[in-house]
Amino acid sequence: MDERERRRASRRRRAGKDYPAEDLGNGVEVATAEAVMRAVGSLPRDLDWEELAPSVIPVLPRRRPMPPASGEPFRVTLPPGIATGFGIDIGPAFLMVGTQLMSGWPMKPADLVARALANLGDRMRVVRARDLAGIEIEGVPARVLQTGLGCASALVLLPDELLRIFGPRSQCLLAPMRDLVVSLPPDVDRVFAAWLNEELAAMDPNGLAVEAFMLEHGRIRQERLPWAGAGQTLTPARA
């Protein structure tokens, strides 16, 4: 384990994410059902806002629909145009905030959004540019961020934090998993970017339903990706 991995493991422990997990392969792990149920059982019965507020963070939309029993999730479209949900971080999982739960809390939607973004910013404060891993993927140089906090993808909602960690140079960003952001050259072949985004998102049961983002001139915008097809195998090699 190198220094970067040790820092990520330390962040996981401090964030309560050092839980039993199942290895799905390709570096993807998911919490065991037992770990999730224990975490759910530790929640306050009345799901009081004052107790849960420090644990609420924005969550990008995932590809798979939520289970029907979850109810209708509360979502707000946030810059750069993402239909964003909100989750209560219980360690091994996120309990999605539904419209019914939201209606029982003594605050306006704007207050929830502000608190969730502030919580995300607080978590990301410990992440630095040194936590980026430089790799090559099919010969394309990339920088990869996994924070150990379960929410790196939501950085696309915080351009200032993205700039602090990834730097000001123009770059194409992918956020295929909740705790994964991949930075590619700005002129990367978009068919390759689409294939990579699809491959990575498909590895994770909670893979995200977002495409690419361009970070340039201090601003971030969404970019549609072409359909890349399938049939290739992802073979990353460390630079």
C-alpha atoms as a PDB file:
ATOM      1  CA  MET A   1       0.000   0.000   0.000  1.00  0.00           C
ATOM      2  CA  ASP A   2       1.530   3.319  -1.095  1.00  0.00           C
ATOM      3  CA  GLU A   3       1.122   6.677   0.669  1.00  0.00           C
ATOM      4  CA  ARG A   4      -1.852   7.712  -1.463  1.00  0.00           C
ATOM      5  CA  GLU A   5      -3.680   4.474  -0.676  1.00  0.00           C
ATOM      6  CA  ARG A   6      -2.889   4.861   3.030  1.00  0.00           C
ATOM      7  CA  ARG A   7      -4.424   8.334   3.020  1.00  0.00           C
ATOM      8  CA  ARG A   8      -7.550   7.025   1.299  1.00  0.00           C
ATOM      9  CA  ALA A   9      -7.863   4.184   3.817  1.00  0.00           C
ATOM     10  CA  SER A  10      -7.482   6.678   6.664  1.00  0.00           C
ATOM     11  CA  ARG A  11     -10.239   8.871   5.224  1.00  0.00           C
ATOM     12  CA  ARG A  12     -12.478   5.814   4.924  1.00  0.00           C
ATOM     13  CA  ARG A  13     -11.990   4.962   8.584  1.00  0.00           C
ATOM     14  CA  ARG A  14     -12.650   8.510   9.759  1.00  0.00           C
ATOM     15  CA  ALA A  15     -15.800   8.699   7.602  1.00  0.00           C
ATOM     16  CA  GLY A  16     -17.176   5.430   9.012  1.00  0.00           C
ATOM     17  CA  LYS A  17     -16.675   3.562   5.742  1.00  0.00           C
ATOM     18  CA  ASP A  18     -14.405   0.818   7.018  1.00  0.00           C
ATOM     19  CA  TYR A  19     -17.120  -1.829   6.707  1.00  0.00           C
ATOM     20  CA  PRO A  20     -17.264  -5.473   5.544  1.00  0.00           C
ATOM     21  CA  ALA A  21     -17.484  -5.576   1.757  1.00  0.00           C
ATOM     22  CA  GLU A  22     -17.863  -7.993  -1.133  1.00  0.00           C
ATOM     23  CA  ASP A  23     -15.321  -7.834  -3.979  1.00  0.00           C
ATOM     24  CA  LEU A  24     -17.069  -7.683  -7.361  1.00  0.00           C
ATOM     25  CA  GLY A  25     -13.793  -7.625  -9.266  1.00  0.00           C
ATOM     26  CA  ASN A  26     -12.041  -4.863 -11.200  1.00  0.00           C
ATOM     27  CA  GLY A  27     -11.445  -3.011  -7.942  1.00  0.00           C
ATOM     28  CA  VAL A  28     -15.162  -2.563  -7.216  1.00  0.00           C
ATOM     29  CA  GLU A  29     -16.422  -3.427  -3.750  1.00  0.00           C
ATOM     30  CA  VAL A  30     -19.902  -3.182  -2.265  1.00  0.00           C
ATOM     31  CA  ALA A  31     -20.921  -3.320   1.359  1.00  0.00           C
ATOM     32  CA  THR A  32     -22.393  -6.591   2.565  1.00  0.00           C
ATOM     33  CA  ALA A  33     -26.134  -6.702   3.199  1.00  0.00           C
ATOM     34  CA  GLU A  34     -25.417  -7.221   6.890  1.00  0.00           C
ATOM     35  CA  ALA A  35     -23.304  -4.063   7.071  1.00  0.00           C
ATOM     36  CA  VAL A  36     -26.032  -2.026   5.383  1.00  0.00           C
ATOM     37  CA  MET A  37     -28.756  -3.371   7.675  1.00  0.00           C
ATOM     38  CA  ARG A  38     -26.689  -2.582  10.775  1.00  0.00           C
ATOM     39  CA  ALA A  39     -26.184   0.973   9.532  1.00  0.00           C
ATOM     40  CA  VAL A  40     -29.888   1.423   8.800  1.00  0.00           C
ATOM     41  CA  GLY A  41     -30.721   0.117  12.264  1.00  0.00           C
ATOM     42  CA  SER A  42     -28.512   2.785  13.834  1.00  0.00           C
ATOM     43  CA  LEU A  43     -30.549   5.662  12.358  1.00  0.00           C
ATOM     44  CA  PRO A  44     -32.812   7.686  14.684  1.00  0.00           C
ATOM     45  CA  ARG A  45     -36.348   6.368  14.430  1.00  0.00           C
ATOM     46  CA  ASP A  46     -37.890   9.751  13.680  1.00  0.00           C
ATOM     47  CA  LEU A  47     -35.214  10.637  11.073  1.00  0.00           C
ATOM     48  CA  ASP A  48     -34.949  14.065  12.672  1.00  0.00           C
ATOM     49  CA  TRP A  49     -33.365  16.719  10.474  1.00  0.00           C
ATOM     50  CA  GLU A  50     -31.148  18.161  13.203  1.00  0.00           C
ATOM     51  CA  GLU A  51     -29.516  14.773  13.758  1.00  0.00           C
ATOM     52  CA  LEU A  52     -29.198  13.876  10.096  1.00  0.00           C
ATOM     53  CA  ALA A  53     -28.211  17.272   8.644  1.00  0.00           C
ATOM     54  CA  PRO A  54     -24.414  16.711   8.991  1.00  0.00           C
ATOM     55  CA  SER A  55     -24.707  13.473   6.978  1.00  0.00           C
ATOM     56  CA  VAL A  56     -26.690  14.781   3.986  1.00  0.00           C
ATOM     57  CA  ILE A  57     -24.751  15.145   0.735  1.00  0.00           C
ATOM     58  CA  PRO A  58     -25.693  15.531  -2.936  1.00  0.00           C
ATOM     59  CA  VAL A  59     -25.849  12.296  -4.934  1.00  0.00           C
ATOM     60  CA  LEU A  60     -25.658  12.130  -8.725  1.00  0.00           C
ATOM     61  CA  PRO A  61     -28.292  10.040 -10.555  1.00  0.00           C
ATOM     62  CA  ARG A  62     -27.514   6.365 -10.919  1.00  0.00           C
ATOM     63  CA  ARG A  63     -28.286   4.212 -13.942  1.00  0.00           C
ATOM     64  CA  ARG A  64     -30.386   1.610 -12.209  1.00  0.00           C
ATOM     65  CA  PRO A  65     -33.741   2.784 -10.882  1.00  0.00           C
ATOM     66  CA  MET A  66     -34.216   2.884  -7.145  1.00  0.00           C
ATOM     67  CA  PRO A  67     -36.228   0.014  -5.646  1.00  0.00           C
ATOM     68  CA  PRO A  68     -39.993   0.720  -5.779  1.00  0.00           C
ATOM     69  CA  ALA A  69     -40.221   0.667  -1.980  1.00  0.00           C
ATOM     70  CA  SER A  70     -37.833   3.615  -1.826  1.00  0.00           C
ATOM     71  CA  GLY A  71     -40.528   6.063  -2.886  1.00  0.00           C
ATOM     72  CA  GLU A  72     -40.059   9.129  -5.048  1.00  0.00           C
ATOM     73  CA  PRO A  73     -36.607  10.686  -4.530  1.00  0.00           C
ATOM     74  CA  PHE A  74     -36.333  14.412  -3.960  1.00  0.00           C
ATOM     75  CA  ARG A  75     -34.289  15.956  -6.785  1.00  0.00           C
ATOM     76  CA  VAL A  76     -33.158  19.422  -7.789  1.00  0.00           C
ATOM     77  CA  THR A  77     -31.400  20.381 -11.017  1.00  0.00           C
ATOM     78  CA  LEU A  78     -28.069  21.968 -10.063  1.00  0.00           C
ATOM     79  CA  PRO A  79     -25.364  23.567 -12.230  1.00  0.00           C
ATOM     80  CA  PRO A  80     -24.049  22.360 -14.619  1.00  0.00           C
ATOM     81  CA  GLY A  81     -27.525  20.952 -15.246  1.00  0.00           C
ATOM     82  CA  ILE A  82     -27.588  17.710 -13.231  1.00  0.00           C
ATOM     83  CA  ALA A  83     -30.803  16.300 -11.744  1.00  0.00           C
ATOM     84  CA  THR A  84     -29.306  15.814  -8.289  1.00  0.00           C
ATOM     85  CA  GLY A  85     -30.673  13.724  -5.457  1.00  0.00           C
ATOM     86  CA  PHE A  86     -29.652  13.807  -1.826  1.00  0.00           C
ATOM     87  CA  GLY A  87     -28.495  10.986   0.382  1.00  0.00           C
ATOM     88  CA  ILE A  88     -28.013  10.455   4.083  1.00  0.00           C
ATOM     89  CA  ASP A  89     -24.568   8.925   4.400  1.00  0.00           C
ATOM     90  CA  ILE A  90     -24.859   5.980   6.781  1.00  0.00           C
ATOM     91  CA  GLY A  91     -21.379   4.593   6.040  1.00  0.00           C
ATOM     92  CA  PRO A  92     -21.824   1.546   3.825  1.00  0.00           C
ATOM     93  CA  ALA A  93     -24.731   3.087   1.876  1.00  0.00           C
ATOM     94  CA  PHE A  94     -26.723   6.224   1.183  1.00  0.00           C
ATOM     95  CA  LEU A  95     -30.324   6.479   2.364  1.00  0.00           C
ATOM     96  CA  MET A  96     -31.939   8.549  -0.359  1.00  0.00           C
ATOM     97  CA  VAL A  97     -34.003  11.526   0.721  1.00  0.00           C
ATOM     98  CA  GLY A  98     -37.513  11.086  -0.636  1.00  0.00           C
ATOM     99  CA  THR A  99     -40.210  13.672  -1.166  1.00  0.00           C
ATOM    100  CA  GLN A 100     -42.160  12.289   1.786  1.00  0.00           C
ATOM    101  CA  LEU A 101     -39.211  12.584   4.182  1.00  0.00           C
ATOM    102  CA  MET A 102     -38.411  16.043   2.822  1.00  0.00           C
ATOM    103  CA  SER A 103     -41.975  17.218   3.445  1.00  0.00           C
ATOM    104  CA  GLY A 104     -41.615  16.388   7.134  1.00  0.00           C
ATOM    105  CA  TRP A 105     -38.428  18.399   7.660  1.00  0.00           C
ATOM    106  CA  PRO A 106     -38.662  22.024   8.895  1.00  0.00           C
ATOM    107  CA  MET A 107     -36.743  23.638   6.059  1.00  0.00           C
ATOM    108  CA  LYS A 108     -37.105  24.751   2.466  1.00  0.00           C
ATOM    109  CA  PRO A 109     -35.540  22.841  -0.457  1.00  0.00           C
ATOM    110  CA  ALA A 110     -32.963  25.607  -0.895  1.00  0.00           C
ATOM    111  CA  ASP A 111     -31.805  25.050   2.689  1.00  0.00           C
ATOM    112  CA  LEU A 112     -31.317  21.328   2.046  1.00  0.00           C
ATOM    113  CA  VAL A 113     -29.318  22.052  -1.102  1.00  0.00           C
ATOM    114  CA  ALA A 114     -27.114  24.590   0.673  1.00  0.00           C
ATOM    115  CA  ARG A 115     -26.435  22.265   3.608  1.00  0.00           C
ATOM    116  CA  ALA A 116     -25.673  19.273   1.362  1.00  0.00           C
ATOM    117  CA  LEU A 117     -23.209  21.263  -0.768  1.00  0.00           C
ATOM    118  CA  ALA A 118     -21.562  22.678   2.369  1.00  0.00           C
ATOM    119  CA  ASN A 119     -21.217  19.152   3.776  1.00  0.00           C
ATOM    120  CA  LEU A 120     -19.641  17.980   0.519  1.00  0.00           C
ATOM    121  CA  GLY A 121     -17.185  20.879   0.570  1.00  0.00           C
ATOM    122  CA  ASP A 122     -16.231  20.077   4.164  1.00  0.00           C
ATOM    123  CA  ARG A 123     -15.517  16.450   3.261  1.00  0.00           C
ATOM    124  CA  MET A 124     -13.447  17.327   0.240  1.00  0.00           C
ATOM    125  CA  ARG A 125     -11.269  19.774   2.151  1.00  0.00           C
ATOM    126  CA  VAL A 126      -8.890  16.949   3.109  1.00  0.00           C
ATOM    127  CA  VAL A 127      -8.436  15.836  -0.521  1.00  0.00           C
ATOM    128  CA  ARG A 128      -5.434  17.229  -2.384  1.00  0.00           C
ATOM    129  CA  ALA A 129      -3.890  17.076  -5.854  1.00  0.00           C
ATOM    130  CA  ARG A 130      -1.420  14.554  -4.415  1.00  0.00           C
ATOM    131  CA  ASP A 131      -4.330  12.104  -4.137  1.00  0.00           C
ATOM    132  CA  LEU A 132      -4.640  11.887  -7.927  1.00  0.00           C
ATOM    133  CA  ALA A 133      -3.245   8.704  -9.466  1.00  0.00           C
ATOM    134  CA  GLY A 134      -1.596   9.020 -12.874  1.00  0.00           C
ATOM    135  CA  ILE A 135      -2.335   6.064 -15.163  1.00  0.00           C
ATOM    136  CA  GLU A 136      -2.655   5.157 -18.828  1.00  0.00           C
ATOM    137  CA  ILE A 137      -5.843   3.611 -20.184  1.00  0.00           C
ATOM    138  CA  GLU A 138      -5.482   2.099 -23.647  1.00  0.00           C
ATOM    139  CA  GLY A 139      -2.522   4.442 -24.144  1.00  0.00           C
ATOM    140  CA  VAL A 140      -4.429   7.565 -23.090  1.00  0.00           C
ATOM    141  CA  PRO A 141      -2.985   9.468 -20.108  1.00  0.00           C
ATOM    142  CA  ALA A 142      -5.451   9.889 -17.257  1.00  0.00           C
ATOM    143  CA  ARG A 143      -5.589  11.122 -13.705  1.00  0.00           C
ATOM    144  CA  VAL A 144      -7.909   9.269 -11.354  1.00  0.00           C
ATOM    145  CA  LEU A 145      -9.397  10.363  -8.043  1.00  0.00           C
ATOM    146  CA  GLN A 146     -10.894   7.985  -5.486  1.00  0.00           C
ATOM    147  CA  THR A 147     -11.312   9.686  -2.129  1.00  0.00           C
ATOM    148  CA  GLY A 148     -12.483   6.840   0.090  1.00  0.00           C
ATOM    149  CA  LEU A 149     -15.377   9.103   1.128  1.00  0.00           C
ATOM    150  CA  GLY A 150     -17.905   7.678  -1.321  1.00  0.00           C
ATOM    151  CA  CYS A 151     -18.748  10.979  -3.010  1.00  0.00           C
ATOM    152  CA  ALA A 152     -15.933  12.117  -5.335  1.00  0.00           C
ATOM    153  CA  SER A 153     -18.321  12.248  -8.319  1.00  0.00           C
ATOM    154  CA  ALA A 154     -20.306  15.079  -6.696  1.00  0.00           C
ATOM    155  CA  LEU A 155     -17.254  17.322  -7.116  1.00  0.00           C
ATOM    156  CA  VAL A 156     -18.717  18.266 -10.498  1.00  0.00           C
ATOM    157  CA  LEU A 157     -21.177  20.365  -8.459  1.00  0.00           C
ATOM    158  CA  LEU A 158     -18.298  22.298  -6.849  1.00  0.00           C
ATOM    159  CA  PRO A 159     -16.145  23.866  -9.601  1.00  0.00           C
ATOM    160  CA  ASP A 160     -13.859  25.636  -7.115  1.00  0.00           C
ATOM    161  CA  GLU A 161     -13.010  22.326  -5.434  1.00  0.00           C
ATOM    162  CA  LEU A 162     -12.460  20.669  -8.813  1.00  0.00           C
ATOM    163  CA  LEU A 163     -10.007  23.415  -9.747  1.00  0.00           C
ATOM    164  CA  ARG A 164      -8.197  23.108  -6.425  1.00  0.00           C
ATOM    165  CA  ILE A 165      -7.711  19.357  -6.807  1.00  0.00           C
ATOM    166  CA  PHE A 166      -7.397  18.863 -10.588  1.00  0.00           C
ATOM    167  CA  GLY A 167      -5.820  22.195 -11.468  1.00  0.00           C
ATOM    168  CA  PRO A 168      -6.920  24.939 -13.892  1.00  0.00           C
ATOM    169  CA  ARG A 169      -5.872  23.360 -17.179  1.00  0.00           C
ATOM    170  CA  SER A 170      -8.562  22.336 -19.646  1.00  0.00           C
ATOM    171  CA  GLN A 171      -9.629  18.725 -19.230  1.00  0.00           C
ATOM    172  CA  CYS A 172     -12.416  16.274 -19.939  1.00  0.00           C
ATOM    173  CA  LEU A 173     -13.867  14.668 -16.804  1.00  0.00           C
ATOM    174  CA  LEU A 174     -15.813  11.464 -16.333  1.00  0.00           C
ATOM    175  CA  ALA A 175     -17.747  10.565 -13.173  1.00  0.00           C
ATOM    176  CA  PRO A 176     -18.937   6.987 -13.757  1.00  0.00           C
ATOM    177  CA  MET A 177     -19.014   5.890 -10.089  1.00  0.00           C
ATOM    178  CA  ARG A 178     -19.951   7.627  -6.850  1.00  0.00           C
ATOM    179  CA  ASP A 179     -16.349   7.797  -5.637  1.00  0.00           C
ATOM    180  CA  LEU A 180     -14.520   8.075  -8.949  1.00  0.00           C
ATOM    181  CA  VAL A 181     -13.549  10.995 -11.181  1.00  0.00           C
ATOM    182  CA  VAL A 182     -11.327  10.479 -14.226  1.00  0.00           C
ATOM    183  CA  SER A 183      -9.525  13.400 -15.877  1.00  0.00           C
ATOM    184  CA  LEU A 184      -8.620  12.987 -19.552  1.00  0.00           C
ATOM    185  CA  PRO A 185      -6.933  15.349 -22.049  1.00  0.00           C
ATOM    186  CA  PRO A 186      -9.376  17.971 -23.386  1.00  0.00           C
ATOM    187  CA  ASP A 187      -8.998  16.677 -26.946  1.00  0.00           C
ATOM    188  CA  VAL A 188      -9.503  13.017 -26.036  1.00  0.00           C
ATOM    189  CA  ASP A 189     -11.376  11.024 -28.652  1.00  0.00           C
ATOM    190  CA  ARG A 190     -15.005  11.225 -27.538  1.00  0.00           C
ATOM    191  CA  VAL A 191     -15.805   7.703 -28.719  1.00  0.00           C
ATOM    192  CA  PHE A 192     -13.018   6.447 -26.462  1.00  0.00           C
ATOM    193  CA  ALA A 193     -14.339   8.607 -23.590  1.00  0.00           C
ATOM    194  CA  ALA A 194     -17.829   7.201 -24.105  1.00  0.00           C
ATOM    195  CA  TRP A 195     -16.512   3.632 -24.111  1.00  0.00           C
ATOM    196  CA  LEU A 196     -14.478   4.244 -20.958  1.00  0.00           C
ATOM    197  CA  ASN A 197     -17.415   5.881 -19.180  1.00  0.00           C
ATOM    198  CA  GLU A 198     -19.630   2.926 -20.095  1.00  0.00           C
ATOM    199  CA  GLU A 199     -17.064   0.318 -19.036  1.00  0.00           C
ATOM    200  CA  LEU A 200     -16.451   1.919 -15.647  1.00  0.00           C
ATOM    201  CA  ALA A 201     -20.101   2.638 -14.853  1.00  0.00           C
ATOM    202  CA  ALA A 202     -21.059  -0.936 -15.767  1.00  0.00           C
ATOM    203  CA  MET A 203     -18.607  -2.310 -13.171  1.00  0.00           C
ATOM    204  CA  ASP A 204     -20.542  -0.721 -10.305  1.00  0.00           C
ATOM    205  CA  PRO A 205     -24.094  -1.686  -9.225  1.00  0.00           C
ATOM    206  CA  ASN A 206     -24.527   2.020  -8.399  1.00  0.00           C
ATOM    207  CA  GLY A 207     -22.945   3.226 -11.666  1.00  0.00           C
ATOM    208  CA  LEU A 208     -23.926   6.795 -12.520  1.00  0.00           C
ATOM    209  CA  ALA A 209     -26.092   8.104 -15.359  1.00  0.00           C
ATOM    210  CA  VAL A 210     -23.950  11.105 -16.308  1.00  0.00           C
ATOM    211  CA  GLU A 211     -21.785  11.642 -19.348  1.00  0.00           C
ATOM    212  CA  ALA A 212     -18.740  13.929 -19.728  1.00  0.00           C
ATOM    213  CA  PHE A 213     -17.821  17.298 -18.272  1.00  0.00           C
ATOM    214  CA  MET A 214     -15.441  19.894 -19.682  1.00  0.00           C
ATOM    215  CA  LEU A 215     -13.477  21.941 -17.197  1.00  0.00           C
ATOM    216  CA  GLU A 216     -12.046  24.996 -18.909  1.00  0.00           C
ATOM    217  CA  HIS A 217     -11.482  28.650 -18.062  1.00  0.00           C
ATOM    218  CA  GLY A 218     -12.489  27.923 -14.476  1.00  0.00           C
ATOM    219  CA  ARG A 219     -15.954  26.707 -15.473  1.00  0.00           C
ATOM    220  CA  ILE A 220     -17.549  23.304 -15.896  1.00  0.00           C
ATOM    221  CA  ARG A 221     -20.123  22.255 -18.448  1.00  0.00           C
ATOM    222  CA  GLN A 222     -21.761  18.993 -19.442  1.00  0.00           C
ATOM    223  CA  GLU A 223     -20.975  17.367 -22.746  1.00  0.00           C
ATOM    224  CA  ARG A 224     -22.922  14.623 -24.480  1.00  0.00           C
ATOM    225  CA  LEU A 225     -20.921  11.596 -25.516  1.00  0.00           C
ATOM    226  CA  PRO A 226     -21.443   9.484 -28.633  1.00  0.00           C
ATOM    227  CA  TRP A 227     -22.551   5.883 -28.282  1.00  0.00           C
ATOM    228  CA  ALA A 228     -19.390   3.810 -28.095  1.00  0.00           C
ATOM    229  CA  GLY A 229     -20.685   0.282 -28.530  1.00  0.00           C
ATOM    230  CA  ALA A 230     -19.393  -2.671 -26.569  1.00  0.00           C
ATOM    231  CA  GLY A 231     -17.173  -5.690 -26.923  1.00  0.00           C
ATOM    232  CA  GLN A 232     -13.862  -4.285 -25.747  1.00  0.00           C
ATOM    233  CA  THR A 233     -12.112  -5.102 -22.513  1.00  0.00           C
ATOM    234  CA  LEU A 234     -10.816  -2.438 -20.169  1.00  0.00           C
ATOM    235  CA  THR A 235      -7.088  -2.940 -19.631  1.00  0.00           C
ATOM    236  CA  PRO A 236      -5.628  -0.034 -17.656  1.00  0.00           C
ATOM    237  CA  ALA A 237      -1.853   0.086 -17.191  1.00  0.00           C
ATOM    238  CA  ARG A 238      -0.027   2.245 -14.643  1.00  0.00           C
ATOM    239  CA  ALA A 239       2.099   4.954 -16.205  1.00  0.00           C
END
